[in-house]
Amino acid sequence: MMPISEEIAGAFVNSHNEVASHFGAGQPTLSNEESFTTEDILWAVGIWSVILTLSPVIVFYMLMVA
């Protein structure tokens, strides 16, 4: 059984490697993960539609209250 300090150090190194691999460290500059998927585009369109739909309502509310 390892001492607790070695377990913590191992967990830190493991999480650091996972973060590095997630951000594409050591990989070619153009990979599959860099392109937008249909889900990404639909999510962005949904968020912007909510923002653009509610912004006149918020502006009108601020003008009436202020």
PDB file of N, CA and C in Angstrom:
ATOM      1  N   MET A   1       0.842  -1.195   0.000  1.00  0.00           N
ATOM      2  CA  MET A   1       0.000   0.000   0.000  1.00  0.00           C
ATOM      3  C   MET A   1       0.883   1.253   0.000  1.00  0.00           C
ATOM      4  N   MET A   2       0.519   2.222  -0.853  1.00  0.00           N
ATOM      5  CA  MET A   2       1.328   3.434  -0.957  1.00  0.00           C
ATOM      6  C   MET A   2       0.992   4.399   0.172  1.00  0.00           C
ATOM      7  N   PRO A   3       1.961   5.213   0.545  1.00  0.00           N
ATOM      8  CA  PRO A   3       1.627   6.303   1.481  1.00  0.00           C
ATOM      9  C   PRO A   3       0.655   7.272   0.827  1.00  0.00           C
ATOM     10  N   ILE A   4      -0.054   8.023   1.651  1.00  0.00           N
ATOM     11  CA  ILE A   4      -1.081   8.936   1.144  1.00  0.00           C
ATOM     12  C   ILE A   4      -0.471   9.990   0.224  1.00  0.00           C
ATOM     13  N   SER A   5       0.726  10.481   0.555  1.00  0.00           N
ATOM     14  CA  SER A   5       1.331  11.533  -0.266  1.00  0.00           C
ATOM     15  C   SER A   5       1.594  11.044  -1.685  1.00  0.00           C
ATOM     16  N   GLU A   6       2.016   9.762  -1.840  1.00  0.00           N
ATOM     17  CA  GLU A   6       2.238   9.235  -3.183  1.00  0.00           C
ATOM     18  C   GLU A   6       0.926   9.060  -3.930  1.00  0.00           C
ATOM     19  N   GLU A   7      -0.150   8.693  -3.225  1.00  0.00           N
ATOM     20  CA  GLU A   7      -1.455   8.576  -3.876  1.00  0.00           C
ATOM     21  C   GLU A   7      -1.916   9.927  -4.386  1.00  0.00           C
ATOM     22  N   ILE A   8      -1.722  10.966  -3.579  1.00  0.00           N
ATOM     23  CA  ILE A   8      -2.132  12.319  -3.988  1.00  0.00           C
ATOM     24  C   ILE A   8      -1.299  12.773  -5.185  1.00  0.00           C
ATOM     25  N   ALA A   9       0.024  12.526  -5.137  1.00  0.00           N
ATOM     26  CA  ALA A   9       0.885  12.923  -6.253  1.00  0.00           C
ATOM     27  C   ALA A   9       0.488  12.167  -7.517  1.00  0.00           C
ATOM     28  N   GLY A  10       0.172  10.884  -7.392  1.00  0.00           N
ATOM     29  CA  GLY A  10      -0.244  10.116  -8.557  1.00  0.00           C
ATOM     30  C   GLY A  10      -1.548  10.623  -9.131  1.00  0.00           C
ATOM     31  N   ALA A  11      -2.478  10.994  -8.252  1.00  0.00           N
ATOM     32  CA  ALA A  11      -3.753  11.530  -8.723  1.00  0.00           C
ATOM     33  C   ALA A  11      -3.543  12.861  -9.429  1.00  0.00           C
ATOM     34  N   PHE A  12      -2.616  13.685  -8.922  1.00  0.00           N
ATOM     35  CA  PHE A  12      -2.358  14.979  -9.555  1.00  0.00           C
ATOM     36  C   PHE A  12      -1.762  14.789 -10.944  1.00  0.00           C
ATOM     37  N   VAL A  13      -0.791  13.882 -11.048  1.00  0.00           N
ATOM     38  CA  VAL A  13      -0.162  13.638 -12.351  1.00  0.00           C
ATOM     39  C   VAL A  13      -1.184  13.072 -13.325  1.00  0.00           C
ATOM     40  N   ASN A  14      -2.025  12.167 -12.854  1.00  0.00           N
ATOM     41  CA  ASN A  14      -3.041  11.574 -13.721  1.00  0.00           C
ATOM     42  C   ASN A  14      -4.008  12.639 -14.213  1.00  0.00           C
ATOM     43  N   SER A  15      -4.491  13.497 -13.332  1.00  0.00           N
ATOM     44  CA  SER A  15      -5.442  14.526 -13.757  1.00  0.00           C
ATOM     45  C   SER A  15      -4.763  15.523 -14.697  1.00  0.00           C
ATOM     46  N   HIS A  16      -3.481  15.804 -14.449  1.00  0.00           N
ATOM     47  CA  HIS A  16      -2.770  16.736 -15.329  1.00  0.00           C
ATOM     48  C   HIS A  16      -2.630  16.146 -16.724  1.00  0.00           C
ATOM     49  N   ASN A  17      -2.335  14.850 -16.813  1.00  0.00           N
ATOM     50  CA  ASN A  17      -2.224  14.209 -18.128  1.00  0.00           C
ATOM     51  C   ASN A  17      -3.566  14.196 -18.842  1.00  0.00           C
ATOM     52  N   GLU A  18      -4.657  13.976 -18.102  1.00  0.00           N
ATOM     53  CA  GLU A  18      -5.974  13.977 -18.726  1.00  0.00           C
ATOM     54  C   GLU A  18      -6.309  15.358 -19.270  1.00  0.00           C
ATOM     55  N   VAL A  19      -5.972  16.410 -18.512  1.00  0.00           N
ATOM     56  CA  VAL A  19      -6.244  17.773 -18.976  1.00  0.00           C
ATOM     57  C   VAL A  19      -5.400  18.070 -20.203  1.00  0.00           C
ATOM     58  N   ALA A  20      -4.136  17.671 -20.181  1.00  0.00           N
ATOM     59  CA  ALA A  20      -3.266  17.925 -21.330  1.00  0.00           C
ATOM     60  C   ALA A  20      -3.779  17.203 -22.563  1.00  0.00           C
ATOM     61  N   SER A  21      -4.228  15.958 -22.402  1.00  0.00           N
ATOM     62  CA  SER A  21      -4.726  15.232 -23.566  1.00  0.00           C
ATOM     63  C   SER A  21      -6.053  15.813 -24.037  1.00  0.00           C
ATOM     64  N   HIS A  22      -6.837  16.353 -23.109  1.00  0.00           N
ATOM     65  CA  HIS A  22      -8.121  16.944 -23.497  1.00  0.00           C
ATOM     66  C   HIS A  22      -7.901  18.173 -24.369  1.00  0.00           C
ATOM     67  N   PHE A  23      -6.875  18.966 -24.062  1.00  0.00           N
ATOM     68  CA  PHE A  23      -6.631  20.175 -24.823  1.00  0.00           C
ATOM     69  C   PHE A  23      -5.725  19.936 -26.023  1.00  0.00           C
ATOM     70  N   GLY A  24      -5.440  18.681 -26.338  1.00  0.00           N
ATOM     71  CA  GLY A  24      -4.723  18.355 -27.557  1.00  0.00           C
ATOM     72  C   GLY A  24      -3.226  18.542 -27.479  1.00  0.00           C
ATOM     73  N   ALA A  25      -2.629  18.440 -26.285  1.00  0.00           N
ATOM     74  CA  ALA A  25      -1.184  18.581 -26.181  1.00  0.00           C
ATOM     75  C   ALA A  25      -0.509  17.401 -26.847  1.00  0.00           C
ATOM     76  N   GLY A  26       0.466  17.693 -27.686  1.00  0.00           N
ATOM     77  CA  GLY A  26       1.209  16.640 -28.354  1.00  0.00           C
ATOM     78  C   GLY A  26       0.480  16.012 -29.526  1.00  0.00           C
ATOM     79  N   GLN A  27      -0.631  16.565 -29.947  1.00  0.00           N
ATOM     80  CA  GLN A  27      -1.374  16.026 -31.076  1.00  0.00           C
ATOM     81  C   GLN A  27      -1.165  16.939 -32.282  1.00  0.00           C
ATOM     82  N   PRO A  28      -1.484  16.454 -33.473  1.00  0.00           N
ATOM     83  CA  PRO A  28      -1.392  17.328 -34.657  1.00  0.00           C
ATOM     84  C   PRO A  28      -2.314  18.538 -34.510  1.00  0.00           C
ATOM     85  N   THR A  29      -2.003  19.596 -35.244  1.00  0.00           N
ATOM     86  CA  THR A  29      -2.756  20.838 -35.072  1.00  0.00           C
ATOM     87  C   THR A  29      -4.201  20.705 -35.520  1.00  0.00           C
ATOM     88  N   LEU A  30      -4.486  19.842 -36.504  1.00  0.00           N
ATOM     89  CA  LEU A  30      -5.859  19.697 -36.981  1.00  0.00           C
ATOM     90  C   LEU A  30      -6.347  18.293 -36.647  1.00  0.00           C
ATOM     91  N   SER A  31      -7.310  18.208 -35.734  1.00  0.00           N
ATOM     92  CA  SER A  31      -7.843  16.896 -35.354  1.00  0.00           C
ATOM     93  C   SER A  31      -9.363  16.919 -35.516  1.00  0.00           C
ATOM     94  N   ASN A  32      -9.979  15.777 -35.286  1.00  0.00           N
ATOM     95  CA  ASN A  32     -11.430  15.674 -35.407  1.00  0.00           C
ATOM     96  C   ASN A  32     -12.151  16.525 -34.374  1.00  0.00           C
ATOM     97  N   GLU A  33     -11.549  16.748 -33.220  1.00  0.00           N
ATOM     98  CA  GLU A  33     -12.232  17.449 -32.141  1.00  0.00           C
ATOM     99  C   GLU A  33     -12.331  18.947 -32.399  1.00  0.00           C
ATOM    100  N   GLU A  34     -11.624  19.473 -33.395  1.00  0.00           N
ATOM    101  CA  GLU A  34     -11.631  20.919 -33.615  1.00  0.00           C
ATOM    102  C   GLU A  34     -12.777  21.381 -34.505  1.00  0.00           C
ATOM    103  N   SER A  35     -13.472  20.475 -35.167  1.00  0.00           N
ATOM    104  CA  SER A  35     -14.568  20.884 -36.031  1.00  0.00           C
ATOM    105  C   SER A  35     -15.867  20.935 -35.232  1.00  0.00           C
ATOM    106  N   PHE A  36     -16.759  21.817 -35.620  1.00  0.00           N
ATOM    107  CA  PHE A  36     -18.042  21.956 -34.936  1.00  0.00           C
ATOM    108  C   PHE A  36     -18.990  20.856 -35.387  1.00  0.00           C
ATOM    109  N   THR A  37     -19.697  20.277 -34.445  1.00  0.00           N
ATOM    110  CA  THR A  37     -20.683  19.266 -34.784  1.00  0.00           C
ATOM    111  C   THR A  37     -22.045  19.935 -34.950  1.00  0.00           C
ATOM    112  N   THR A  38     -23.009  19.181 -35.446  1.00  0.00           N
ATOM    113  CA  THR A  38     -24.367  19.702 -35.594  1.00  0.00           C
ATOM    114  C   THR A  38     -24.937  20.082 -34.233  1.00  0.00           C
ATOM    115  N   GLU A  39     -24.603  19.298 -33.207  1.00  0.00           N
ATOM    116  CA  GLU A  39     -25.094  19.600 -31.864  1.00  0.00           C
ATOM    117  C   GLU A  39     -24.548  20.932 -31.356  1.00  0.00           C
ATOM    118  N   ASP A  40     -23.274  21.221 -31.645  1.00  0.00           N
ATOM    119  CA  ASP A  40     -22.690  22.504 -31.241  1.00  0.00           C
ATOM    120  C   ASP A  40     -23.409  23.670 -31.907  1.00  0.00           C
ATOM    121  N   ILE A  41     -23.685  23.537 -33.202  1.00  0.00           N
ATOM    122  CA  ILE A  41     -24.330  24.628 -33.938  1.00  0.00           C
ATOM    123  C   ILE A  41     -25.759  24.829 -33.447  1.00  0.00           C
ATOM    124  N   LEU A  42     -26.496  23.735 -33.223  1.00  0.00           N
ATOM    125  CA  LEU A  42     -27.865  23.863 -32.716  1.00  0.00           C
ATOM    126  C   LEU A  42     -27.883  24.486 -31.327  1.00  0.00           C
ATOM    127  N   TRP A  43     -26.904  24.131 -30.496  1.00  0.00           N
ATOM    128  CA  TRP A  43     -26.822  24.707 -29.150  1.00  0.00           C
ATOM    129  C   TRP A  43     -26.576  26.209 -29.229  1.00  0.00           C
ATOM    130  N   ALA A  44     -25.649  26.627 -30.096  1.00  0.00           N
ATOM    131  CA  ALA A  44     -25.342  28.047 -30.236  1.00  0.00           C
ATOM    132  C   ALA A  44     -26.537  28.818 -30.790  1.00  0.00           C
ATOM    133  N   VAL A  45     -27.221  28.250 -31.782  1.00  0.00           N
ATOM    134  CA  VAL A  45     -28.402  28.913 -32.353  1.00  0.00           C
ATOM    135  C   VAL A  45     -29.493  29.026 -31.292  1.00  0.00           C
ATOM    136  N   GLY A  46     -29.663  27.996 -30.487  1.00  0.00           N
ATOM    137  CA  GLY A  46     -30.670  28.047 -29.423  1.00  0.00           C
ATOM    138  C   GLY A  46     -30.366  29.113 -28.393  1.00  0.00           C
ATOM    139  N   ILE A  47     -29.110  29.195 -27.977  1.00  0.00           N
ATOM    140  CA  ILE A  47     -28.723  30.201 -26.977  1.00  0.00           C
ATOM    141  C   ILE A  47     -28.929  31.609 -27.535  1.00  0.00           C
ATOM    142  N   TRP A  48     -28.482  31.837 -28.796  1.00  0.00           N
ATOM    143  CA  TRP A  48     -28.619  33.175 -29.365  1.00  0.00           C
ATOM    144  C   TRP A  48     -30.081  33.538 -29.607  1.00  0.00           C
ATOM    145  N   SER A  49     -30.913  32.558 -29.939  1.00  0.00           N
ATOM    146  CA  SER A  49     -32.331  32.874 -30.135  1.00  0.00           C
ATOM    147  C   SER A  49     -32.975  33.290 -28.813  1.00  0.00           C
ATOM    148  N   VAL A  50     -32.592  32.642 -27.728  1.00  0.00           N
ATOM    149  CA  VAL A  50     -33.118  33.039 -26.411  1.00  0.00           C
ATOM    150  C   VAL A  50     -32.643  34.437 -26.055  1.00  0.00           C
ATOM    151  N   ILE A  51     -31.351  34.712 -26.278  1.00  0.00           N
ATOM    152  CA  ILE A  51     -30.811  36.039 -25.941  1.00  0.00           C
ATOM    153  C   ILE A  51     -31.489  37.124 -26.774  1.00  0.00           C
ATOM    154  N   LEU A  52     -31.608  36.906 -28.072  1.00  0.00           N
ATOM    155  CA  LEU A  52     -32.190  37.932 -28.940  1.00  0.00           C
ATOM    156  C   LEU A  52     -33.688  38.080 -28.720  1.00  0.00           C
ATOM    157  N   THR A  53     -34.355  37.016 -28.288  1.00  0.00           N
ATOM    158  CA  THR A  53     -35.783  37.105 -28.023  1.00  0.00           C
ATOM    159  C   THR A  53     -36.053  37.867 -26.725  1.00  0.00           C
ATOM    160  N   LEU A  54     -35.232  37.655 -25.721  1.00  0.00           N
ATOM    161  CA  LEU A  54     -35.478  38.279 -24.418  1.00  0.00           C
ATOM    162  C   LEU A  54     -34.886  39.680 -24.285  1.00  0.00           C
ATOM    163  N   SER A  55     -33.945  40.051 -25.132  1.00  0.00           N
ATOM    164  CA  SER A  55     -33.315  41.355 -24.961  1.00  0.00           C
ATOM    165  C   SER A  55     -34.300  42.524 -25.112  1.00  0.00           C
ATOM    166  N   PRO A  56     -35.246  42.539 -26.074  1.00  0.00           N
ATOM    167  CA  PRO A  56     -36.201  43.656 -26.114  1.00  0.00           C
ATOM    168  C   PRO A  56     -37.093  43.695 -24.870  1.00  0.00           C
ATOM    169  N   VAL A  57     -37.433  42.526 -24.352  1.00  0.00           N
ATOM    170  CA  VAL A  57     -38.260  42.474 -23.143  1.00  0.00           C
ATOM    171  C   VAL A  57     -37.507  43.082 -21.971  1.00  0.00           C
ATOM    172  N   ILE A  58     -36.238  42.754 -21.839  1.00  0.00           N
ATOM    173  CA  ILE A  58     -35.436  43.285 -20.727  1.00  0.00           C
ATOM    174  C   ILE A  58     -35.245  44.786 -20.888  1.00  0.00           C
ATOM    175  N   VAL A  59     -34.978  45.249 -22.112  1.00  0.00           N
ATOM    176  CA  VAL A  59     -34.799  46.689 -22.349  1.00  0.00           C
ATOM    177  C   VAL A  59     -36.093  47.429 -22.037  1.00  0.00           C
ATOM    178  N   PHE A  60     -37.226  46.914 -22.480  1.00  0.00           N
ATOM    179  CA  PHE A  60     -38.502  47.555 -22.203  1.00  0.00           C
ATOM    180  C   PHE A  60     -38.775  47.615 -20.694  1.00  0.00           C
ATOM    181  N   TYR A  61     -38.473  46.533 -19.997  1.00  0.00           N
ATOM    182  CA  TYR A  61     -38.657  46.493 -18.544  1.00  0.00           C
ATOM    183  C   TYR A  61     -37.773  47.533 -17.863  1.00  0.00           C
ATOM    184  N   MET A  62     -36.511  47.623 -18.293  1.00  0.00           N
ATOM    185  CA  MET A  62     -35.608  48.607 -17.676  1.00  0.00           C
ATOM    186  C   MET A  62     -36.070  50.029 -17.945  1.00  0.00           C
ATOM    187  N   LEU A  63     -36.608  50.289 -19.139  1.00  0.00           N
ATOM    188  CA  LEU A  63     -37.095  51.639 -19.433  1.00  0.00           C
ATOM    189  C   LEU A  63     -38.333  51.982 -18.588  1.00  0.00           C
ATOM    190  N   MET A  64     -39.166  51.013 -18.362  1.00  0.00           N
ATOM    191  CA  MET A  64     -40.390  51.277 -17.593  1.00  0.00           C
ATOM    192  C   MET A  64     -40.103  51.422 -16.106  1.00  0.00           C
ATOM    193  N   VAL A  65     -39.135  50.673 -15.616  1.00  0.00           N
ATOM    194  CA  VAL A  65     -38.844  50.705 -14.175  1.00  0.00           C
ATOM    195  C   VAL A  65     -37.938  51.890 -13.832  1.00  0.00           C
ATOM    196  N   ALA A  66     -36.958  52.180 -14.648  1.00  0.00           N
ATOM    197  CA  ALA A  66     -35.979  53.210 -14.326  1.00  0.00           C
ATOM    198  C   ALA A  66     -36.556  54.600 -14.433  1.00  0.00           C
TER     199      ALA A  66
END
